[in-house]
Amino acid sequence: MRHHHACSRAHQVGSLLLVAATFLLTRLFDRRLLDTSPTPPSFLSPNPARPSSADLRIYVYSEDEIQGLRALLRGRDGTVAAATCLKGQWGTQVKIHHLLLKSRFRTFNKDQANLFFVPSYVKCVRMTGALNDKEINQTYVKVLSQMPYFRRSGGRDHIFIFPSGAGAHLFRSWATFLNRSIILTPEGDRTDKRGTSAFNTWKDIIIPGNVDDSMVKSDARAVQPIPLTKRKYLANFLGRAQGKAGRLQLVKLAKQYPDKLESPELKLSGPNKLGRIDYFKHLRNAKFCLAPRGESSWTLRFYESFFVECVPVILSDEVELPFQNVIDYSEISIKWPSSRIGPELFEYLESIPDERIEEMIGHGREMRCLWVYAQDTEPCSAMSGILSELQRKVRRFHQSPETFWLHNRSIVNRDLVEFHSWRTPVPLS
């Protein structure tokens, strides 16, 4: 029995030593593992919530199912091709439409949909003269009056795109008819000309601008960045003055400091017109790309800067930026007061070490995929970001001043007519 006790005591001591050694080794191994594991960048959520097709179902209206919708896409005579509207800042209205048509979140059943997309290339058809302002207004009202589902929710579950600086103001009566709808727009402010903004931070979604397709191809970018040490200028501003105070000040500063700031006079036509390739070659030749306010608060230059790898400097106080629940913009850009555009700005930019500039460019390189309009099956794209934002807009139940419900869960109008018996046109006001 004594031998048994002695052996048992030895085993106990040995077991305790083994446990202690295992604990210490495990802690050491875990710490080394933590020290060598890459940490996700702080500015970009490592696991942004991605919607599932079970939670997000979008119905896309067909241009042939509603009278007048074709005119908003093709013009009064139906002659405007989608390819015509695909280029420039208008392109998002076509790209988002086409990507939703192929999306795994699309449903063909209105009763299963929790969001409805109304396609329109209205900026393009207006600029090409295919519809005038009065026709646009009348056509939108006509289209909306033929949508019982729009009336059912007061438009809260309907999505519209207005891709330019004018925003929803392209539809003059937006404040009456779309004041509850979800608006996709790059424009968060238009108060300089309209007196009021059409953007509502609680319901609308800021989308990235449409960067030239030749620049977003990761494997075959038309213009490649150049090393920071080989760039000729501290900063550049590539844009027209448009009579705007901030831009005029930059043009003036470029003449005073030609070795620091490049700001050539851009020609939109004629033999001296700056082509797209030349434009990006100029853009890449500075450490900082200045993005001042123009006719509106947003500028495509902000998004373009990430593909030539210069740090964007926002000189637009009212600007709104996309996907702010995911991106920390202080890691990838600078926002400077527009009231302090002057030599002080250059002194500040010159004080920033190249190491920090490289770090900001590196962070921008990691997240610029969010500016690329690609299918939502891509792990990172503008569409994945937009759909994630739309998921946050989904509601189980929608109500409006003209909808009512009864004990048997039926939705009725003011005349107690059940929803599925509503006839068009539906009164909108």
Protein backbone atom coordinates (compact mmCIF):
# COMPACT_ATOMS: atom_id res chain seq x y z
CA MET A 1 0.00 0.00 0.00
CA ARG A 2 2.88 2.37 0.78
CA HIS A 3 4.33 1.71 -2.63
CA HIS A 4 0.99 2.52 -4.17
CA HIS A 5 0.77 5.84 -2.28
CA ALA A 6 4.33 6.82 -3.23
CA CYS A 7 3.66 6.02 -6.85
CA SER A 8 0.40 7.96 -6.75
CA ARG A 9 2.13 11.01 -5.23
CA ALA A 10 4.80 10.92 -7.92
CA HIS A 11 2.18 10.70 -10.60
CA GLN A 12 0.38 13.67 -9.10
CA VAL A 13 3.53 15.79 -9.05
CA GLY A 14 4.38 14.73 -12.59
CA SER A 15 0.89 15.51 -13.78
CA LEU A 16 1.01 18.98 -12.24
CA LEU A 17 4.38 19.68 -13.90
CA LEU A 18 3.04 18.46 -17.24
CA VAL A 19 -0.03 20.67 -16.96
CA ALA A 20 2.08 23.71 -16.05
CA ALA A 21 4.52 23.09 -18.91
CA THR A 22 1.69 22.57 -21.38
CA PHE A 23 0.03 25.80 -20.21
CA LEU A 24 3.21 27.83 -20.56
CA LEU A 25 4.06 26.40 -23.97
CA THR A 26 0.51 26.97 -25.20
CA ARG A 27 0.56 30.59 -24.01
CA LEU A 28 3.93 31.11 -25.68
CA PHE A 29 2.76 29.51 -28.93
CA ASP A 30 -0.48 31.51 -28.93
CA ARG A 31 1.42 34.76 -28.36
CA ARG A 32 3.83 34.02 -31.21
CA LEU A 33 0.89 33.14 -33.41
CA LEU A 34 -0.82 36.39 -32.53
CA ASP A 35 2.35 38.36 -33.15
CA THR A 36 2.80 36.90 -36.64
CA SER A 37 -0.86 36.86 -37.76
CA PRO A 38 -1.82 39.73 -40.06
CA THR A 39 -4.29 42.11 -38.49
CA PRO A 40 -7.16 43.39 -40.62
CA PRO A 41 -6.91 47.08 -41.53
CA SER A 42 -8.72 49.25 -39.01
CA PHE A 43 -10.44 51.39 -41.64
CA LEU A 44 -12.17 48.47 -43.36
CA SER A 45 -14.45 46.09 -41.52
CA PRO A 46 -12.92 42.60 -41.90
CA ASN A 47 -16.31 40.94 -42.06
CA PRO A 48 -18.89 43.41 -43.41
CA ALA A 49 -22.38 42.01 -43.22
CA ARG A 50 -23.26 40.45 -46.55
CA PRO A 51 -26.94 40.07 -47.35
CA SER A 52 -28.44 36.68 -48.11
CA SER A 53 -31.01 35.99 -50.79
CA ALA A 54 -33.35 34.82 -48.03
CA ASP A 55 -33.32 38.28 -46.46
CA LEU A 56 -33.02 40.49 -49.55
CA ARG A 57 -35.23 40.02 -52.60
CA ILE A 58 -35.42 42.79 -55.20
CA TYR A 59 -38.01 43.05 -57.96
CA VAL A 60 -36.78 44.89 -61.07
CA TYR A 61 -39.51 46.55 -63.09
CA SER A 62 -39.48 45.75 -66.81
CA GLU A 63 -39.59 48.65 -69.25
CA ASP A 64 -42.54 47.01 -71.02
CA GLU A 65 -44.75 46.35 -68.01
CA ILE A 66 -45.46 50.01 -67.20
CA GLN A 67 -46.50 52.60 -69.72
CA GLY A 68 -43.97 55.42 -69.83
CA LEU A 69 -41.07 53.55 -68.22
CA ARG A 70 -39.52 52.86 -71.61
CA ALA A 71 -39.39 56.61 -72.27
CA LEU A 72 -37.37 57.13 -69.05
CA LEU A 73 -34.90 54.57 -70.38
CA ARG A 74 -34.87 55.21 -74.14
CA GLY A 75 -36.37 58.67 -74.66
CA ARG A 76 -39.67 59.72 -76.20
CA ASP A 77 -38.89 57.97 -79.50
CA GLY A 78 -37.16 54.96 -77.96
CA THR A 79 -33.93 55.72 -79.81
CA VAL A 80 -31.42 56.11 -76.96
CA ALA A 81 -29.33 52.96 -76.59
CA ALA A 82 -28.18 51.74 -73.19
CA ALA A 83 -24.59 51.80 -74.50
CA THR A 84 -24.93 55.55 -75.05
CA CYS A 85 -25.74 56.02 -71.36
CA LEU A 86 -23.02 53.71 -70.07
CA LYS A 87 -20.12 56.16 -70.19
CA GLY A 88 -19.12 58.95 -67.87
CA GLN A 89 -20.81 59.81 -64.60
CA TRP A 90 -24.18 58.65 -65.97
CA GLY A 91 -22.94 55.08 -66.27
CA THR A 92 -23.99 53.95 -62.82
CA GLN A 93 -27.68 54.14 -63.79
CA VAL A 94 -27.06 51.52 -66.50
CA LYS A 95 -24.54 49.38 -64.62
CA ILE A 96 -26.64 48.99 -61.48
CA HIS A 97 -29.72 48.15 -63.56
CA HIS A 98 -27.89 45.49 -65.60
CA LEU A 99 -26.17 44.02 -62.55
CA LEU A 100 -29.49 43.73 -60.70
CA LEU A 101 -30.99 41.91 -63.70
CA LYS A 102 -28.31 39.23 -63.22
CA SER A 103 -28.25 39.37 -59.43
CA ARG A 104 -28.91 36.40 -57.19
CA PHE A 105 -31.05 38.78 -55.12
CA ARG A 106 -33.51 39.36 -57.95
CA THR A 107 -37.03 37.95 -57.67
CA PHE A 108 -39.71 37.79 -60.36
CA ASN A 109 -42.50 37.64 -57.79
CA LYS A 110 -43.68 41.02 -56.50
CA ASP A 111 -45.31 39.42 -53.47
CA GLN A 112 -41.98 37.91 -52.43
CA ALA A 113 -40.02 41.12 -52.96
CA ASN A 114 -39.06 43.33 -50.06
CA LEU A 115 -37.57 46.01 -52.34
CA PHE A 116 -38.49 47.23 -55.84
CA PHE A 117 -36.06 48.76 -58.34
CA VAL A 118 -37.34 51.31 -60.87
CA PRO A 119 -34.83 51.57 -63.75
CA SER A 120 -34.32 54.92 -65.43
CA TYR A 121 -31.60 56.52 -67.56
CA VAL A 122 -33.21 59.91 -67.15
CA LYS A 123 -29.97 61.91 -66.85
CA CYS A 124 -28.76 60.46 -70.12
CA VAL A 125 -32.02 60.90 -72.06
CA ARG A 126 -32.20 64.50 -70.86
CA MET A 127 -28.63 65.31 -71.87
CA THR A 128 -29.17 63.76 -75.32
CA GLY A 129 -32.36 65.79 -75.81
CA ALA A 130 -34.58 62.71 -75.84
CA LEU A 131 -36.74 64.11 -73.00
CA ASN A 132 -37.03 67.65 -71.64
CA ASP A 133 -37.60 68.61 -68.01
CA LYS A 134 -41.38 68.90 -68.38
CA GLU A 135 -41.61 65.51 -70.09
CA ILE A 136 -39.46 63.89 -67.41
CA ASN A 137 -41.73 65.20 -64.66
CA GLN A 138 -44.93 64.13 -66.40
CA THR A 139 -43.56 60.71 -67.30
CA TYR A 140 -42.38 59.93 -63.78
CA VAL A 141 -45.81 60.80 -62.35
CA LYS A 142 -47.48 58.66 -65.01
CA VAL A 143 -45.19 55.72 -64.25
CA LEU A 144 -45.65 55.95 -60.48
CA SER A 145 -49.45 56.06 -60.82
CA GLN A 146 -49.33 52.62 -62.43
CA MET A 147 -47.53 51.00 -59.48
CA PRO A 148 -49.91 49.69 -56.80
CA TYR A 149 -46.92 48.36 -54.84
CA PHE A 150 -45.45 51.86 -54.78
CA ARG A 151 -48.69 53.21 -53.35
CA ARG A 152 -48.95 50.39 -50.83
CA SER A 153 -45.79 51.53 -49.02
CA GLY A 154 -45.86 55.18 -49.98
CA GLY A 155 -42.77 54.41 -52.05
CA ARG A 156 -40.66 53.41 -49.03
CA ASP A 157 -39.57 50.11 -50.52
CA HIS A 158 -38.88 51.47 -54.02
CA ILE A 159 -35.37 52.30 -55.27
CA PHE A 160 -34.46 55.02 -57.79
CA ILE A 161 -31.09 56.07 -59.26
CA PHE A 162 -30.09 59.67 -59.94
CA PRO A 163 -26.44 59.40 -60.98
CA SER A 164 -25.26 62.98 -61.43
CA GLY A 165 -24.62 66.14 -59.44
CA ALA A 166 -28.22 67.26 -59.93
CA GLY A 167 -29.40 64.23 -57.96
CA ALA A 168 -33.15 63.70 -57.70
CA HIS A 169 -33.75 67.28 -58.85
CA LEU A 170 -33.86 65.85 -62.39
CA PHE A 171 -37.42 64.90 -61.38
CA ARG A 172 -38.79 68.32 -60.44
CA SER A 173 -41.55 66.88 -58.26
CA TRP A 174 -39.30 64.49 -56.34
CA ALA A 175 -40.14 66.16 -53.02
CA THR A 176 -43.83 65.33 -53.51
CA PHE A 177 -43.57 61.78 -54.86
CA LEU A 178 -40.18 60.35 -53.80
CA ASN A 179 -39.82 61.85 -50.33
CA ARG A 180 -40.02 58.38 -48.77
CA SER A 181 -38.29 56.34 -51.47
CA ILE A 182 -34.70 55.05 -51.43
CA ILE A 183 -32.52 57.14 -53.74
CA LEU A 184 -29.14 55.92 -54.96
CA THR A 185 -26.96 58.90 -55.82
CA PRO A 186 -23.34 60.06 -55.59
CA GLU A 187 -24.69 63.48 -54.60
CA GLY A 188 -25.31 64.36 -50.97
CA ASP A 189 -25.83 68.09 -51.42
CA ARG A 190 -27.25 70.48 -54.00
CA THR A 191 -28.04 73.52 -51.90
CA ASP A 192 -25.94 75.93 -53.97
CA LYS A 193 -28.53 75.99 -56.77
CA ARG A 194 -31.70 74.37 -55.42
CA GLY A 195 -31.90 75.72 -51.88
CA THR A 196 -32.55 72.24 -50.53
CA SER A 197 -30.85 68.87 -50.76
CA ALA A 198 -32.63 65.81 -52.15
CA PHE A 199 -30.39 63.53 -50.09
CA ASN A 200 -31.72 62.16 -46.81
CA THR A 201 -29.09 60.38 -44.75
CA TRP A 202 -31.68 58.12 -43.09
CA LYS A 203 -33.16 56.59 -46.24
CA ASP A 204 -30.89 57.31 -49.21
CA ILE A 205 -27.60 55.67 -50.20
CA ILE A 206 -24.48 57.39 -51.52
CA ILE A 207 -22.97 55.36 -54.36
CA PRO A 208 -19.44 55.60 -55.83
CA GLY A 209 -18.94 57.52 -59.05
CA ASN A 210 -18.40 55.68 -62.33
CA VAL A 211 -14.63 55.46 -62.88
CA ASP A 212 -13.55 54.81 -66.48
CA ASP A 213 -13.63 51.06 -67.15
CA SER A 214 -10.06 51.09 -68.50
CA MET A 215 -8.80 52.12 -65.06
CA VAL A 216 -10.58 49.63 -62.81
CA LYS A 217 -9.24 46.44 -64.42
CA SER A 218 -6.79 45.09 -61.88
CA ASP A 219 -4.90 43.00 -64.45
CA ALA A 220 -4.79 45.51 -67.33
CA ARG A 221 -5.10 49.06 -66.04
CA ALA A 222 -4.69 51.60 -68.87
CA VAL A 223 -2.41 53.85 -66.79
CA GLN A 224 -0.18 52.45 -64.06
CA PRO A 225 0.89 54.40 -60.94
CA ILE A 226 4.46 55.63 -60.72
CA PRO A 227 6.74 55.60 -57.65
CA LEU A 228 6.18 58.41 -55.19
CA THR A 229 9.76 59.67 -55.56
CA LYS A 230 9.34 60.10 -59.33
CA ARG A 231 6.25 62.26 -59.19
CA LYS A 232 6.81 65.79 -60.42
CA TYR A 233 4.27 67.69 -58.33
CA LEU A 234 3.19 67.89 -54.73
CA ALA A 235 -0.46 68.19 -55.79
CA ASN A 236 -2.66 68.64 -58.81
CA PHE A 237 -6.13 69.84 -59.73
CA LEU A 238 -7.41 68.55 -63.05
CA GLY A 239 -10.74 70.21 -63.69
CA ARG A 240 -12.52 73.28 -64.95
CA ALA A 241 -12.87 76.33 -62.74
CA GLN A 242 -16.63 76.64 -63.43
CA GLY A 243 -16.60 80.03 -61.72
CA LYS A 244 -16.42 78.35 -58.29
CA ALA A 245 -14.42 80.15 -55.60
CA GLY A 246 -12.37 77.13 -54.46
CA ARG A 247 -11.48 76.08 -57.99
CA LEU A 248 -10.59 79.63 -59.02
CA GLN A 249 -8.31 79.84 -56.01
CA LEU A 250 -6.54 76.61 -57.05
CA VAL A 251 -6.01 77.91 -60.58
CA LYS A 252 -4.52 81.07 -59.11
CA LEU A 253 -2.25 79.09 -56.76
CA ALA A 254 -1.04 76.93 -59.65
CA LYS A 255 0.30 80.08 -61.32
CA GLN A 256 1.97 81.21 -58.09
CA TYR A 257 3.46 77.79 -57.29
CA PRO A 258 3.95 76.06 -60.67
CA ASP A 259 6.54 73.68 -59.20
CA LYS A 260 4.14 72.43 -56.53
CA LEU A 261 0.64 72.48 -58.06
CA GLU A 262 -0.31 71.41 -61.57
CA SER A 263 -3.62 72.76 -62.82
CA PRO A 264 -3.73 72.82 -66.62
CA GLU A 265 -6.65 74.39 -68.45
CA LEU A 266 -8.71 71.44 -69.58
CA LYS A 267 -10.12 71.54 -73.09
CA LEU A 268 -13.32 69.52 -73.60
CA SER A 269 -13.14 69.75 -77.38
CA GLY A 270 -10.83 70.75 -80.20
CA PRO A 271 -7.25 69.73 -81.03
CA ASN A 272 -6.00 70.44 -77.49
CA LYS A 273 -8.62 68.27 -75.81
CA LEU A 274 -7.09 66.16 -73.03
CA GLY A 275 -7.84 62.50 -73.74
CA ARG A 276 -8.70 60.00 -71.03
CA ILE A 277 -5.29 58.32 -71.06
CA ASP A 278 -3.46 61.65 -70.91
CA TYR A 279 -5.79 62.77 -68.13
CA PHE A 280 -4.85 59.83 -65.94
CA LYS A 281 -1.16 60.25 -66.78
CA HIS A 282 -1.37 63.80 -65.44
CA LEU A 283 -3.38 62.67 -62.41
CA ARG A 284 -0.77 60.10 -61.35
CA ASN A 285 2.09 62.62 -61.42
CA ALA A 286 1.38 64.14 -57.97
CA LYS A 287 1.38 62.85 -54.41
CA PHE A 288 -1.97 64.49 -53.66
CA CYS A 289 -5.00 64.84 -55.93
CA LEU A 290 -7.14 67.83 -54.96
CA ALA A 291 -10.92 67.36 -55.19
CA PRO A 292 -12.71 70.72 -54.77
CA ARG A 293 -16.43 71.35 -54.95
CA GLY A 294 -17.80 72.14 -58.40
CA GLU A 295 -21.43 72.55 -59.44
CA SER A 296 -22.16 70.12 -56.62
CA SER A 297 -20.36 68.73 -53.59
CA TRP A 298 -19.11 65.44 -55.04
CA THR A 299 -16.46 64.89 -57.69
CA LEU A 300 -15.45 61.84 -59.69
CA ARG A 301 -11.81 62.84 -59.16
CA PHE A 302 -12.02 61.55 -55.60
CA TYR A 303 -12.67 57.99 -56.84
CA GLU A 304 -10.26 58.22 -59.78
CA SER A 305 -7.38 59.12 -57.48
CA PHE A 306 -7.37 55.64 -55.92
CA PHE A 307 -6.56 54.00 -59.26
CA VAL A 308 -3.51 56.20 -59.95
CA GLU A 309 -2.60 55.96 -56.25
CA CYS A 310 -2.45 59.57 -55.19
CA VAL A 311 -3.97 60.64 -51.87
CA PRO A 312 -7.27 62.49 -52.45
CA VAL A 313 -7.64 65.81 -50.65
CA ILE A 314 -11.31 66.74 -50.34
CA LEU A 315 -11.95 70.48 -50.57
CA SER A 316 -15.73 70.22 -50.38
CA ASP A 317 -17.26 70.79 -46.96
CA GLU A 318 -20.70 69.27 -47.68
CA VAL A 319 -19.51 66.11 -49.40
CA GLU A 320 -21.08 62.76 -48.50
CA LEU A 321 -19.08 59.56 -48.99
CA PRO A 322 -20.30 55.98 -49.55
CA PHE A 323 -20.21 53.03 -47.16
CA GLN A 324 -19.31 55.00 -44.05
CA ASN A 325 -20.37 52.06 -41.87
CA VAL A 326 -17.44 50.11 -43.36
CA ILE A 327 -14.73 52.64 -44.29
CA ASP A 328 -12.71 54.96 -42.07
CA TYR A 329 -11.94 57.71 -44.57
CA SER A 330 -9.32 59.32 -42.34
CA GLU A 331 -7.04 56.39 -43.21
CA ILE A 332 -7.23 56.87 -46.99
CA SER A 333 -7.92 60.56 -47.65
CA ILE A 334 -7.67 64.10 -46.28
CA LYS A 335 -10.51 66.59 -45.89
CA TRP A 336 -9.38 70.20 -45.71
CA PRO A 337 -11.61 73.28 -45.09
CA SER A 338 -12.52 74.92 -48.40
CA SER A 339 -12.23 78.29 -46.67
CA ARG A 340 -8.50 77.67 -46.10
CA ILE A 341 -7.40 76.95 -49.68
CA GLY A 342 -4.10 78.76 -49.99
CA PRO A 343 -0.34 78.50 -49.30
CA GLU A 344 -1.21 77.06 -45.88
CA LEU A 345 -2.57 73.95 -47.62
CA PHE A 346 0.72 73.37 -49.45
CA GLU A 347 2.71 73.86 -46.25
CA TYR A 348 0.57 71.24 -44.57
CA LEU A 349 0.86 68.74 -47.44
CA GLU A 350 4.65 69.20 -47.58
CA SER A 351 4.86 68.39 -43.87
CA ILE A 352 3.39 64.90 -44.34
CA PRO A 353 6.17 62.25 -44.41
CA ASP A 354 6.38 60.02 -47.47
CA GLU A 355 6.01 57.03 -45.15
CA ARG A 356 2.53 58.20 -44.14
CA ILE A 357 1.62 58.95 -47.76
CA GLU A 358 2.66 55.42 -48.76
CA GLU A 359 0.65 54.02 -45.87
CA MET A 360 -2.49 55.90 -46.96
CA ILE A 361 -2.00 54.82 -50.57
CA GLY A 362 -1.62 51.22 -49.41
CA HIS A 363 -4.89 51.37 -47.46
CA GLY A 364 -6.60 52.90 -50.49
CA ARG A 365 -5.27 50.11 -52.68
CA GLU A 366 -6.93 47.56 -50.40
CA MET A 367 -10.41 49.07 -50.50
CA ARG A 368 -10.73 50.61 -53.98
CA CYS A 369 -12.52 47.44 -55.09
CA LEU A 370 -15.57 49.07 -53.49
CA TRP A 371 -15.55 51.63 -56.33
CA VAL A 372 -15.73 48.92 -59.03
CA TYR A 373 -19.17 48.05 -60.43
CA ALA A 374 -19.01 44.26 -60.69
CA GLN A 375 -21.43 41.40 -60.01
CA ASP A 376 -22.51 40.90 -56.42
CA THR A 377 -20.85 37.47 -56.40
CA GLU A 378 -17.53 39.31 -56.10
CA PRO A 379 -16.39 39.49 -52.45
CA CYS A 380 -15.68 43.22 -52.81
CA SER A 381 -17.42 45.53 -55.28
CA ALA A 382 -19.60 48.61 -55.43
CA MET A 383 -22.61 46.31 -55.84
CA SER A 384 -21.77 44.27 -52.75
CA GLY A 385 -21.53 47.53 -50.80
CA ILE A 386 -24.81 48.88 -52.20
CA LEU A 387 -26.66 45.62 -51.56
CA SER A 388 -25.34 45.54 -48.01
CA GLU A 389 -26.70 49.07 -47.53
CA LEU A 390 -30.04 48.07 -49.10
CA GLN A 391 -30.28 45.15 -46.72
CA ARG A 392 -30.35 47.68 -43.88
CA LYS A 393 -33.37 49.34 -45.51
CA VAL A 394 -35.51 46.20 -45.58
CA ARG A 395 -38.55 46.29 -43.33
CA ARG A 396 -40.90 43.48 -42.51
CA PHE A 397 -43.85 45.85 -42.78
CA HIS A 398 -44.51 49.08 -44.66
CA GLN A 399 -47.31 51.54 -44.16
CA SER A 400 -48.45 54.75 -45.84
CA PRO A 401 -51.20 57.33 -45.24
CA GLU A 402 -53.32 55.54 -47.85
CA THR A 403 -52.96 51.94 -46.64
CA PHE A 404 -54.89 50.24 -43.85
CA TRP A 405 -55.11 46.71 -42.51
CA LEU A 406 -57.83 44.55 -41.02
CA HIS A 407 -58.08 41.74 -38.49
CA ASN A 408 -57.50 39.09 -41.19
CA ARG A 409 -54.20 40.78 -42.18
CA SER A 410 -55.56 42.05 -45.47
CA ILE A 411 -54.18 45.38 -46.72
CA VAL A 412 -56.88 47.76 -47.95
CA ASN A 413 -57.16 51.31 -49.23
CA ARG A 414 -59.34 54.11 -47.89
CA ASP A 415 -62.37 52.59 -49.61
CA LEU A 416 -61.62 49.25 -47.92
CA VAL A 417 -60.72 47.67 -51.24
CA GLU A 418 -58.18 44.87 -50.80
CA PHE A 419 -54.72 45.57 -52.17
CA HIS A 420 -54.82 42.92 -54.90
CA SER A 421 -57.96 44.53 -56.29
CA TRP A 422 -56.49 48.01 -56.61
CA ARG A 423 -56.80 49.37 -60.13
CA THR A 424 -54.42 51.66 -61.94
CA PRO A 425 -53.91 54.49 -62.28
CA VAL A 426 -53.64 54.88 -58.53
CA PRO A 427 -54.12 58.47 -57.27
CA LEU A 428 -50.78 59.79 -56.02
CA SER A 429 -51.92 62.93 -54.25
